[in-house]
Every structure is written in C-alpha cells, then in structure tokens.
Amino acid sequence: MKENFSNIEKKALRKKAHSLKPVVMIGQHGLTDAVLAEIDVALNAHELIKVRIRGVDKNERTEQCAQIEHQLNAEVLHQIGGITVLYRPEPVPS
C-alpha cells in the first residue's frame, strides 16, 4: 500500500533524512536479493533510510529505485547523485 505524500510531508521527511548516513550500499553486483533483504531490514528498523548506489548511470539508478519501491513497498522521497532516500512507514499493529 503506497502512500501519496503531500509536498509538505515529503519536504519534512527529506529534512529529517538530511543528517542520516547511507545504511546500505549497492555496488558492482547491483540490486541482489541480499541487498534487497538488507534494505528491508533497515526500513523495518528505521522507516527512513539513505541508500548509496555506486557504479551505474542515472537511468540504471532510477530503475533500481523503481524495483526497490515495487518489491519492498517503499517510497523514494529524494534522489540526488548516488544517494537515494527511502521511506516506508511502520506497519500498524492489528
């Protein structure tokens, strides 16, 4: 369930993410199952994370981010250079 954030909400989350360090690095092997699992763990723990993507061009980074959004039900809030800010709210306990 992907949420649609208002510009104000996105701006607040980007501001909150500014001081964060990247917690996951995507390297030469690309977006493997292990990397996706690590991103999933980080999102479960923190909701808001930064990911560094190295060694690929802008189009490839965009494709990788779309794959992360689709597979992990996360939202790319911001992407600049090789750094991507991802957000996935904590599931509400039932």
PDB file of N, CA and C in Angstrom:
ATOM      1  N   MET A   1       0.848  -1.174   0.000  1.00  0.00           N
ATOM      2  CA  MET A   1       0.000   0.000   0.000  1.00  0.00           C
ATOM      3  C   MET A   1       0.890   1.232   0.000  1.00  0.00           C
ATOM      4  N   LYS A   2       0.970   1.861  -1.134  1.00  0.00           N
ATOM      5  CA  LYS A   2       1.844   3.012  -1.288  1.00  0.00           C
ATOM      6  C   LYS A   2       1.073   4.278  -0.934  1.00  0.00           C
ATOM      7  N   GLU A   3       1.683   5.084  -0.086  1.00  0.00           N
ATOM      8  CA  GLU A   3       1.021   6.314   0.325  1.00  0.00           C
ATOM      9  C   GLU A   3       1.423   7.444  -0.606  1.00  0.00           C
ATOM     10  N   ASN A   4       0.518   8.379  -0.779  1.00  0.00           N
ATOM     11  CA  ASN A   4       0.847   9.579  -1.528  1.00  0.00           C
ATOM     12  C   ASN A   4       1.027  10.704  -0.531  1.00  0.00           C
ATOM     13  N   PHE A   5       2.242  11.229  -0.494  1.00  0.00           N
ATOM     14  CA  PHE A   5       2.564  12.270   0.458  1.00  0.00           C
ATOM     15  C   PHE A   5       2.367  13.636  -0.174  1.00  0.00           C
ATOM     16  N   SER A   6       1.963  14.596   0.628  1.00  0.00           N
ATOM     17  CA  SER A   6       1.901  15.962   0.141  1.00  0.00           C
ATOM     18  C   SER A   6       3.328  16.492   0.042  1.00  0.00           C
ATOM     19  N   ASN A   7       3.499  17.573  -0.674  1.00  0.00           N
ATOM     20  CA  ASN A   7       4.830  18.165  -0.808  1.00  0.00           C
ATOM     21  C   ASN A   7       5.391  18.577   0.547  1.00  0.00           C
ATOM     22  N   ILE A   8       4.534  19.032   1.438  1.00  0.00           N
ATOM     23  CA  ILE A   8       4.976  19.461   2.770  1.00  0.00           C
ATOM     24  C   ILE A   8       5.484  18.258   3.559  1.00  0.00           C
ATOM     25  N   GLU A   9       4.764  17.133   3.482  1.00  0.00           N
ATOM     26  CA  GLU A   9       5.197  15.922   4.178  1.00  0.00           C
ATOM     27  C   GLU A   9       6.526  15.416   3.619  1.00  0.00           C
ATOM     28  N   LYS A  10       6.650  15.407   2.283  1.00  0.00           N
ATOM     29  CA  LYS A  10       7.900  14.969   1.651  1.00  0.00           C
ATOM     30  C   LYS A  10       9.061  15.863   2.074  1.00  0.00           C
ATOM     31  N   LYS A  11       8.814  17.158   2.100  1.00  0.00           N
ATOM     32  CA  LYS A  11       9.865  18.107   2.483  1.00  0.00           C
ATOM     33  C   LYS A  11      10.312  17.862   3.922  1.00  0.00           C
ATOM     34  N   ALA A  12       9.355  17.610   4.808  1.00  0.00           N
ATOM     35  CA  ALA A  12       9.686  17.342   6.220  1.00  0.00           C
ATOM     36  C   ALA A  12      10.503  16.064   6.352  1.00  0.00           C
ATOM     37  N   LEU A  13      10.141  15.027   5.605  1.00  0.00           N
ATOM     38  CA  LEU A  13      10.883  13.768   5.659  1.00  0.00           C
ATOM     39  C   LEU A  13      12.283  13.923   5.058  1.00  0.00           C
ATOM     40  N   ARG A  14      12.401  14.680   3.959  1.00  0.00           N
ATOM     41  CA  ARG A  14      13.727  14.922   3.370  1.00  0.00           C
ATOM     42  C   ARG A  14      14.609  15.686   4.352  1.00  0.00           C
ATOM     43  N   LYS A  15      14.023  16.638   5.055  1.00  0.00           N
ATOM     44  CA  LYS A  15      14.777  17.411   6.045  1.00  0.00           C
ATOM     45  C   LYS A  15      15.267  16.498   7.170  1.00  0.00           C
ATOM     46  N   LYS A  16      14.396  15.599   7.601  1.00  0.00           N
ATOM     47  CA  LYS A  16      14.751  14.655   8.651  1.00  0.00           C
ATOM     48  C   LYS A  16      15.871  13.715   8.178  1.00  0.00           C
ATOM     49  N   ALA A  17      15.858  13.365   6.900  1.00  0.00           N
ATOM     50  CA  ALA A  17      16.845  12.434   6.335  1.00  0.00           C
ATOM     51  C   ALA A  17      18.190  13.100   6.054  1.00  0.00           C
ATOM     52  N   HIS A  18      18.223  14.417   6.032  1.00  0.00           N
ATOM     53  CA  HIS A  18      19.441  15.137   5.649  1.00  0.00           C
ATOM     54  C   HIS A  18      20.664  14.716   6.464  1.00  0.00           C
ATOM     55  N   SER A  19      20.490  14.537   7.748  1.00  0.00           N
ATOM     56  CA  SER A  19      21.634  14.223   8.617  1.00  0.00           C
ATOM     57  C   SER A  19      21.972  12.730   8.652  1.00  0.00           C
ATOM     58  N   LEU A  20      21.157  11.899   8.008  1.00  0.00           N
ATOM     59  CA  LEU A  20      21.399  10.458   8.018  1.00  0.00           C
ATOM     60  C   LEU A  20      22.582  10.088   7.131  1.00  0.00           C
ATOM     61  N   LYS A  21      23.241   9.015   7.490  1.00  0.00           N
ATOM     62  CA  LYS A  21      24.300   8.437   6.661  1.00  0.00           C
ATOM     63  C   LYS A  21      23.694   7.256   5.908  1.00  0.00           C
ATOM     64  N   PRO A  22      24.197   6.952   4.707  1.00  0.00           N
ATOM     65  CA  PRO A  22      23.685   5.780   3.990  1.00  0.00           C
ATOM     66  C   PRO A  22      23.909   4.501   4.797  1.00  0.00           C
ATOM     67  N   VAL A  23      22.863   3.689   4.922  1.00  0.00           N
ATOM     68  CA  VAL A  23      22.960   2.461   5.713  1.00  0.00           C
ATOM     69  C   VAL A  23      23.170   1.231   4.840  1.00  0.00           C
ATOM     70  N   VAL A  24      22.853   1.355   3.558  1.00  0.00           N
ATOM     71  CA  VAL A  24      23.040   0.248   2.618  1.00  0.00           C
ATOM     72  C   VAL A  24      23.742   0.796   1.383  1.00  0.00           C
ATOM     73  N   MET A  25      24.684   0.017   0.863  1.00  0.00           N
ATOM     74  CA  MET A  25      25.397   0.394  -0.356  1.00  0.00           C
ATOM     75  C   MET A  25      25.101  -0.644  -1.429  1.00  0.00           C
ATOM     76  N   ILE A  26      24.700  -0.179  -2.599  1.00  0.00           N
ATOM     77  CA  ILE A  26      24.510  -1.066  -3.740  1.00  0.00           C
ATOM     78  C   ILE A  26      25.743  -0.901  -4.608  1.00  0.00           C
ATOM     79  N   GLY A  27      26.492  -1.987  -4.800  1.00  0.00           N
ATOM     80  CA  GLY A  27      27.771  -1.910  -5.503  1.00  0.00           C
ATOM     81  C   GLY A  27      27.744  -2.557  -6.870  1.00  0.00           C
ATOM     82  N   GLN A  28      28.869  -3.148  -7.228  1.00  0.00           N
ATOM     83  CA  GLN A  28      29.071  -3.663  -8.574  1.00  0.00           C
ATOM     84  C   GLN A  28      28.144  -4.813  -8.951  1.00  0.00           C
ATOM     85  N   HIS A  29      27.642  -5.553  -7.962  1.00  0.00           N
ATOM     86  CA  HIS A  29      26.752  -6.672  -8.265  1.00  0.00           C
ATOM     87  C   HIS A  29      25.303  -6.237  -8.395  1.00  0.00           C
ATOM     88  N   GLY A  30      25.034  -4.961  -8.178  1.00  0.00           N
ATOM     89  CA  GLY A  30      23.693  -4.425  -8.364  1.00  0.00           C
ATOM     90  C   GLY A  30      22.736  -4.788  -7.242  1.00  0.00           C
ATOM     91  N   LEU A  31      21.478  -4.787  -7.590  1.00  0.00           N
ATOM     92  CA  LEU A  31      20.406  -4.999  -6.618  1.00  0.00           C
ATOM     93  C   LEU A  31      20.120  -6.490  -6.481  1.00  0.00           C
ATOM     94  N   THR A  32      20.899  -7.156  -5.646  1.00  0.00           N
ATOM     95  CA  THR A  32      20.738  -8.590  -5.428  1.00  0.00           C
ATOM     96  C   THR A  32      19.666  -8.841  -4.370  1.00  0.00           C
ATOM     97  N   ASP A  33      19.293 -10.094  -4.220  1.00  0.00           N
ATOM     98  CA  ASP A  33      18.314 -10.453  -3.183  1.00  0.00           C
ATOM     99  C   ASP A  33      18.841 -10.108  -1.791  1.00  0.00           C
ATOM    100  N   ALA A  34      20.144 -10.291  -1.586  1.00  0.00           N
ATOM    101  CA  ALA A  34      20.749  -9.968  -0.286  1.00  0.00           C
ATOM    102  C   ALA A  34      20.669  -8.477   0.003  1.00  0.00           C
ATOM    103  N   VAL A  35      20.903  -7.662  -1.015  1.00  0.00           N
ATOM    104  CA  VAL A  35      20.832  -6.205  -0.837  1.00  0.00           C
ATOM    105  C   VAL A  35      19.387  -5.796  -0.549  1.00  0.00           C
ATOM    106  N   LEU A  36      18.450  -6.367  -1.283  1.00  0.00           N
ATOM    107  CA  LEU A  36      17.030  -6.075  -1.026  1.00  0.00           C
ATOM    108  C   LEU A  36      16.637  -6.468   0.395  1.00  0.00           C
ATOM    109  N   ALA A  37      17.123  -7.612   0.859  1.00  0.00           N
ATOM    110  CA  ALA A  37      16.822  -8.054   2.226  1.00  0.00           C
ATOM    111  C   ALA A  37      17.400  -7.076   3.238  1.00  0.00           C
ATOM    112  N   GLU A  38      18.602  -6.583   2.985  1.00  0.00           N
ATOM    113  CA  GLU A  38      19.246  -5.620   3.889  1.00  0.00           C
ATOM    114  C   GLU A  38      18.470  -4.302   3.922  1.00  0.00           C
ATOM    115  N   ILE A  39      18.005  -3.850   2.765  1.00  0.00           N
ATOM    116  CA  ILE A  39      17.200  -2.620   2.703  1.00  0.00           C
ATOM    117  C   ILE A  39      15.893  -2.833   3.473  1.00  0.00           C
ATOM    118  N   ASP A  40      15.286  -4.007   3.315  1.00  0.00           N
ATOM    119  CA  ASP A  40      14.047  -4.327   4.014  1.00  0.00           C
ATOM    120  C   ASP A  40      14.246  -4.280   5.524  1.00  0.00           C
ATOM    121  N   VAL A  41      15.344  -4.884   6.004  1.00  0.00           N
ATOM    122  CA  VAL A  41      15.661  -4.872   7.436  1.00  0.00           C
ATOM    123  C   VAL A  41      15.844  -3.436   7.930  1.00  0.00           C
ATOM    124  N   ALA A  42      16.581  -2.631   7.158  1.00  0.00           N
ATOM    125  CA  ALA A  42      16.831  -1.240   7.551  1.00  0.00           C
ATOM    126  C   ALA A  42      15.528  -0.438   7.588  1.00  0.00           C
ATOM    127  N   LEU A  43      14.646  -0.655   6.614  1.00  0.00           N
ATOM    128  CA  LEU A  43      13.355   0.051   6.610  1.00  0.00           C
ATOM    129  C   LEU A  43      12.485  -0.375   7.787  1.00  0.00           C
ATOM    130  N   ASN A  44      12.524  -1.657   8.141  1.00  0.00           N
ATOM    131  CA  ASN A  44      11.764  -2.131   9.303  1.00  0.00           C
ATOM    132  C   ASN A  44      12.265  -1.473  10.580  1.00  0.00           C
ATOM    133  N   ALA A  45      13.569  -1.269  10.650  1.00  0.00           N
ATOM    134  CA  ALA A  45      14.168  -0.706  11.858  1.00  0.00           C
ATOM    135  C   ALA A  45      14.020   0.808  11.936  1.00  0.00           C
ATOM    136  N   HIS A  46      14.090   1.483  10.802  1.00  0.00           N
ATOM    137  CA  HIS A  46      14.204   2.950  10.836  1.00  0.00           C
ATOM    138  C   HIS A  46      13.126   3.723  10.091  1.00  0.00           C
ATOM    139  N   GLU A  47      12.363   3.108   9.219  1.00  0.00           N
ATOM    140  CA  GLU A  47      11.358   3.755   8.369  1.00  0.00           C
ATOM    141  C   GLU A  47      11.969   4.644   7.291  1.00  0.00           C
ATOM    142  N   LEU A  48      12.944   5.467   7.665  1.00  0.00           N
ATOM    143  CA  LEU A  48      13.541   6.450   6.754  1.00  0.00           C
ATOM    144  C   LEU A  48      15.038   6.154   6.655  1.00  0.00           C
ATOM    145  N   ILE A  49      15.504   5.823   5.448  1.00  0.00           N
ATOM    146  CA  ILE A  49      16.921   5.469   5.294  1.00  0.00           C
ATOM    147  C   ILE A  49      17.499   6.100   4.030  1.00  0.00           C
ATOM    148  N   LYS A  50      18.829   6.117   3.996  1.00  0.00           N
ATOM    149  CA  LYS A  50      19.545   6.518   2.788  1.00  0.00           C
ATOM    150  C   LYS A  50      20.261   5.296   2.242  1.00  0.00           C
ATOM    151  N   VAL A  51      20.274   5.195   0.920  1.00  0.00           N
ATOM    152  CA  VAL A  51      20.965   4.115   0.230  1.00  0.00           C
ATOM    153  C   VAL A  51      21.921   4.752  -0.768  1.00  0.00           C
ATOM    154  N   ARG A  52      23.152   4.235  -0.821  1.00  0.00           N
ATOM    155  CA  ARG A  52      24.124   4.718  -1.803  1.00  0.00           C
ATOM    156  C   ARG A  52      24.200   3.706  -2.936  1.00  0.00           C
ATOM    157  N   ILE A  53      24.031   4.204  -4.169  1.00  0.00           N
ATOM    158  CA  ILE A  53      24.122   3.346  -5.350  1.00  0.00           C
ATOM    159  C   ILE A  53      25.358   3.772  -6.126  1.00  0.00           C
ATOM    160  N   ARG A  54      26.278   2.812  -6.310  1.00  0.00           N
ATOM    161  CA  ARG A  54      27.544   3.111  -6.981  1.00  0.00           C
ATOM    162  C   ARG A  54      27.690   2.327  -8.273  1.00  0.00           C
ATOM    163  N   GLY A  55      28.464   2.901  -9.175  1.00  0.00           N
ATOM    164  CA  GLY A  55      28.905   2.172 -10.351  1.00  0.00           C
ATOM    165  C   GLY A  55      27.910   2.048 -11.486  1.00  0.00           C
ATOM    166  N   VAL A  56      26.827   2.805 -11.458  1.00  0.00           N
ATOM    167  CA  VAL A  56      25.856   2.749 -12.553  1.00  0.00           C
ATOM    168  C   VAL A  56      25.449   4.164 -12.949  1.00  0.00           C
ATOM    169  N   ASP A  57      24.885   4.286 -14.155  1.00  0.00           N
ATOM    170  CA  ASP A  57      24.451   5.607 -14.613  1.00  0.00           C
ATOM    171  C   ASP A  57      23.077   5.962 -14.037  1.00  0.00           C
ATOM    172  N   LYS A  58      22.639   7.169 -14.335  1.00  0.00           N
ATOM    173  CA  LYS A  58      21.399   7.698 -13.755  1.00  0.00           C
ATOM    174  C   LYS A  58      20.185   6.834 -14.101  1.00  0.00           C
ATOM    175  N   ASN A  59      20.095   6.373 -15.344  1.00  0.00           N
ATOM    176  CA  ASN A  59      18.948   5.551 -15.750  1.00  0.00           C
ATOM    177  C   ASN A  59      18.906   4.243 -14.979  1.00  0.00           C
ATOM    178  N   GLU A  60      20.074   3.623 -14.790  1.00  0.00           N
ATOM    179  CA  GLU A  60      20.152   2.371 -14.039  1.00  0.00           C
ATOM    180  C   GLU A  60      19.759   2.595 -12.578  1.00  0.00           C
ATOM    181  N   ARG A  61      20.208   3.717 -11.986  1.00  0.00           N
ATOM    182  CA  ARG A  61      19.827   4.045 -10.602  1.00  0.00           C
ATOM    183  C   ARG A  61      18.322   4.203 -10.490  1.00  0.00           C
ATOM    184  N   THR A  62      17.725   4.882 -11.473  1.00  0.00           N
ATOM    185  CA  THR A  62      16.275   5.088 -11.461  1.00  0.00           C
ATOM    186  C   THR A  62      15.540   3.754 -11.540  1.00  0.00           C
ATOM    187  N   GLU A  63      16.034   2.851 -12.391  1.00  0.00           N
ATOM    188  CA  GLU A  63      15.428   1.519 -12.492  1.00  0.00           C
ATOM    189  C   GLU A  63      15.553   0.754 -11.179  1.00  0.00           C
ATOM    190  N   GLN A  64      16.727   0.825 -10.547  1.00  0.00           N
ATOM    191  CA  GLN A  64      16.925   0.130  -9.280  1.00  0.00           C
ATOM    192  C   GLN A  64      15.992   0.686  -8.205  1.00  0.00           C
ATOM    193  N   CYS A  65      15.825   1.996  -8.185  1.00  0.00           N
ATOM    194  CA  CYS A  65      14.919   2.611  -7.200  1.00  0.00           C
ATOM    195  C   CYS A  65      13.473   2.174  -7.443  1.00  0.00           C
ATOM    196  N   ALA A  66      13.068   2.100  -8.706  1.00  0.00           N
ATOM    197  CA  ALA A  66      11.715   1.647  -9.024  1.00  0.00           C
ATOM    198  C   ALA A  66      11.522   0.200  -8.574  1.00  0.00           C
ATOM    199  N   GLN A  67      12.550  -0.617  -8.739  1.00  0.00           N
ATOM    200  CA  GLN A  67      12.477  -2.013  -8.309  1.00  0.00           C
ATOM    201  C   GLN A  67      12.350  -2.106  -6.785  1.00  0.00           C
ATOM    202  N   ILE A  68      13.108  -1.274  -6.066  1.00  0.00           N
ATOM    203  CA  ILE A  68      13.015  -1.246  -4.599  1.00  0.00           C
ATOM    204  C   ILE A  68      11.609  -0.827  -4.177  1.00  0.00           C
ATOM    205  N   GLU A  69      11.092   0.235  -4.799  1.00  0.00           N
ATOM    206  CA  GLU A  69       9.738   0.701  -4.474  1.00  0.00           C
ATOM    207  C   GLU A  69       8.719  -0.416  -4.666  1.00  0.00           C
ATOM    208  N   HIS A  70       8.818  -1.094  -5.787  1.00  0.00           N
ATOM    209  CA  HIS A  70       7.841  -2.140  -6.119  1.00  0.00           C
ATOM    210  C   HIS A  70       7.962  -3.355  -5.202  1.00  0.00           C
ATOM    211  N   GLN A  71       9.186  -3.847  -5.010  1.00  0.00           N
ATOM    212  CA  GLN A  71       9.367  -5.081  -4.251  1.00  0.00           C
ATOM    213  C   GLN A  71       9.227  -4.904  -2.744  1.00  0.00           C
ATOM    214  N   LEU A  72       9.610  -3.739  -2.232  1.00  0.00           N
ATOM    215  CA  LEU A  72       9.587  -3.537  -0.782  1.00  0.00           C
ATOM    216  C   LEU A  72       8.469  -2.611  -0.315  1.00  0.00           C
ATOM    217  N   ASN A  73       7.632  -2.163  -1.259  1.00  0.00           N
ATOM    218  CA  ASN A  73       6.520  -1.279  -0.916  1.00  0.00           C
ATOM    219  C   ASN A  73       7.015  -0.025  -0.186  1.00  0.00           C
ATOM    220  N   ALA A  74       8.121   0.516  -0.679  1.00  0.00           N
ATOM    221  CA  ALA A  74       8.701   1.724  -0.096  1.00  0.00           C
ATOM    222  C   ALA A  74       8.519   2.873  -1.077  1.00  0.00           C
ATOM    223  N   GLU A  75       8.810   4.068  -0.621  1.00  0.00           N
ATOM    224  CA  GLU A  75       8.718   5.232  -1.499  1.00  0.00           C
ATOM    225  C   GLU A  75      10.056   5.943  -1.563  1.00  0.00           C
ATOM    226  N   VAL A  76      10.469   6.263  -2.792  1.00  0.00           N
ATOM    227  CA  VAL A  76      11.672   7.069  -2.982  1.00  0.00           C
ATOM    228  C   VAL A  76      11.251   8.523  -2.782  1.00  0.00           C
ATOM    229  N   LEU A  77      11.776   9.138  -1.726  1.00  0.00           N
ATOM    230  CA  LEU A  77      11.421  10.527  -1.433  1.00  0.00           C
ATOM    231  C   LEU A  77      12.329  11.510  -2.153  1.00  0.00           C
ATOM    232  N   HIS A  78      13.584  11.086  -2.339  1.00  0.00           N
ATOM    233  CA  HIS A  78      14.562  12.014  -2.894  1.00  0.00           C
ATOM    234  C   HIS A  78      15.698  11.213  -3.504  1.00  0.00           C
ATOM    235  N   GLN A  79      16.208  11.700  -4.609  1.00  0.00           N
ATOM    236  CA  GLN A  79      17.340  11.045  -5.248  1.00  0.00           C
ATOM    237  C   GLN A  79      18.248  12.123  -5.809  1.00  0.00           C
ATOM    238  N   ILE A  80      19.479  12.134  -5.316  1.00  0.00           N
ATOM    239  CA  ILE A  80      20.444  13.101  -5.827  1.00  0.00           C
ATOM    240  C   ILE A  80      21.790  12.398  -5.949  1.00  0.00           C
ATOM    241  N   GLY A  81      22.325  12.410  -7.143  1.00  0.00           N
ATOM    242  CA  GLY A  81      23.565  11.682  -7.379  1.00  0.00           C
ATOM    243  C   GLY A  81      23.363  10.219  -7.057  1.00  0.00           C
ATOM    244  N   GLY A  82      24.288   9.636  -6.325  1.00  0.00           N
ATOM    245  CA  GLY A  82      24.202   8.229  -5.965  1.00  0.00           C
ATOM    246  C   GLY A  82      23.479   7.961  -4.669  1.00  0.00           C
ATOM    247  N   ILE A  83      22.878   8.983  -4.070  1.00  0.00           N
ATOM    248  CA  ILE A  83      22.189   8.826  -2.786  1.00  0.00           C
ATOM    249  C   ILE A  83      20.675   8.867  -3.012  1.00  0.00           C
ATOM    250  N   THR A  84      19.999   7.889  -2.430  1.00  0.00           N
ATOM    251  CA  THR A  84      18.544   7.811  -2.519  1.00  0.00           C
ATOM    252  C   THR A  84      17.964   7.738  -1.111  1.00  0.00           C
ATOM    253  N   VAL A  85      16.921   8.511  -0.864  1.00  0.00           N
ATOM    254  CA  VAL A  85      16.225   8.488   0.422  1.00  0.00           C
ATOM    255  C   VAL A  85      14.947   7.671   0.245  1.00  0.00           C
ATOM    256  N   LEU A  86      14.820   6.637   1.065  1.00  0.00           N
ATOM    257  CA  LEU A  86      13.653   5.753   1.013  1.00  0.00           C
ATOM    258  C   LEU A  86      12.842   5.864   2.295  1.00  0.00           C
ATOM    259  N   TYR A  87      11.538   5.728   2.152  1.00  0.00           N
ATOM    260  CA  TYR A  87      10.653   5.774   3.325  1.00  0.00           C
ATOM    261  C   TYR A  87       9.604   4.683   3.184  1.00  0.00           C
ATOM    262  N   ARG A  88       9.373   3.984   4.292  1.00  0.00           N
ATOM    263  CA  ARG A  88       8.276   3.033   4.385  1.00  0.00           C
ATOM    264  C   ARG A  88       7.770   3.102   5.813  1.00  0.00           C
ATOM    265  N   PRO A  89       6.511   3.535   5.999  1.00  0.00           N
ATOM    266  CA  PRO A  89       6.002   3.654   7.367  1.00  0.00           C
ATOM    267  C   PRO A  89       5.925   2.299   8.042  1.00  0.00           C
ATOM    268  N   GLU A  90       6.072   2.328   9.354  1.00  0.00           N
ATOM    269  CA  GLU A  90       5.945   1.105  10.154  1.00  0.00           C
ATOM    270  C   GLU A  90       4.532   0.571  10.002  1.00  0.00           C
ATOM    271  N   PRO A  91       4.404  -0.748   9.855  1.00  0.00           N
ATOM    272  CA  PRO A  91       3.051  -1.289   9.777  1.00  0.00           C
ATOM    273  C   PRO A  91       2.310  -1.066  11.094  1.00  0.00           C
ATOM    274  N   VAL A  92       1.032  -0.747  10.971  1.00  0.00           N
ATOM    275  CA  VAL A  92       0.222  -0.507  12.162  1.00  0.00           C
ATOM    276  C   VAL A  92      -0.145  -1.855  12.766  1.00  0.00           C
ATOM    277  N   PRO A  93       0.176  -2.057  14.059  1.00  0.00           N
ATOM    278  CA  PRO A  93      -0.167  -3.345  14.689  1.00  0.00           C
ATOM    279  C   PRO A  93      -1.681  -3.544  14.717  1.00  0.00           C
ATOM    280  N   SER A  94      -2.118  -4.755  14.429  1.00  0.00           N
ATOM    281  CA  SER A  94      -3.576  -5.001  14.391  1.00  0.00           C
ATOM    282  C   SER A  94      -4.069  -5.660  15.645  1.00  0.00           C
TER     283      SER A  94
END
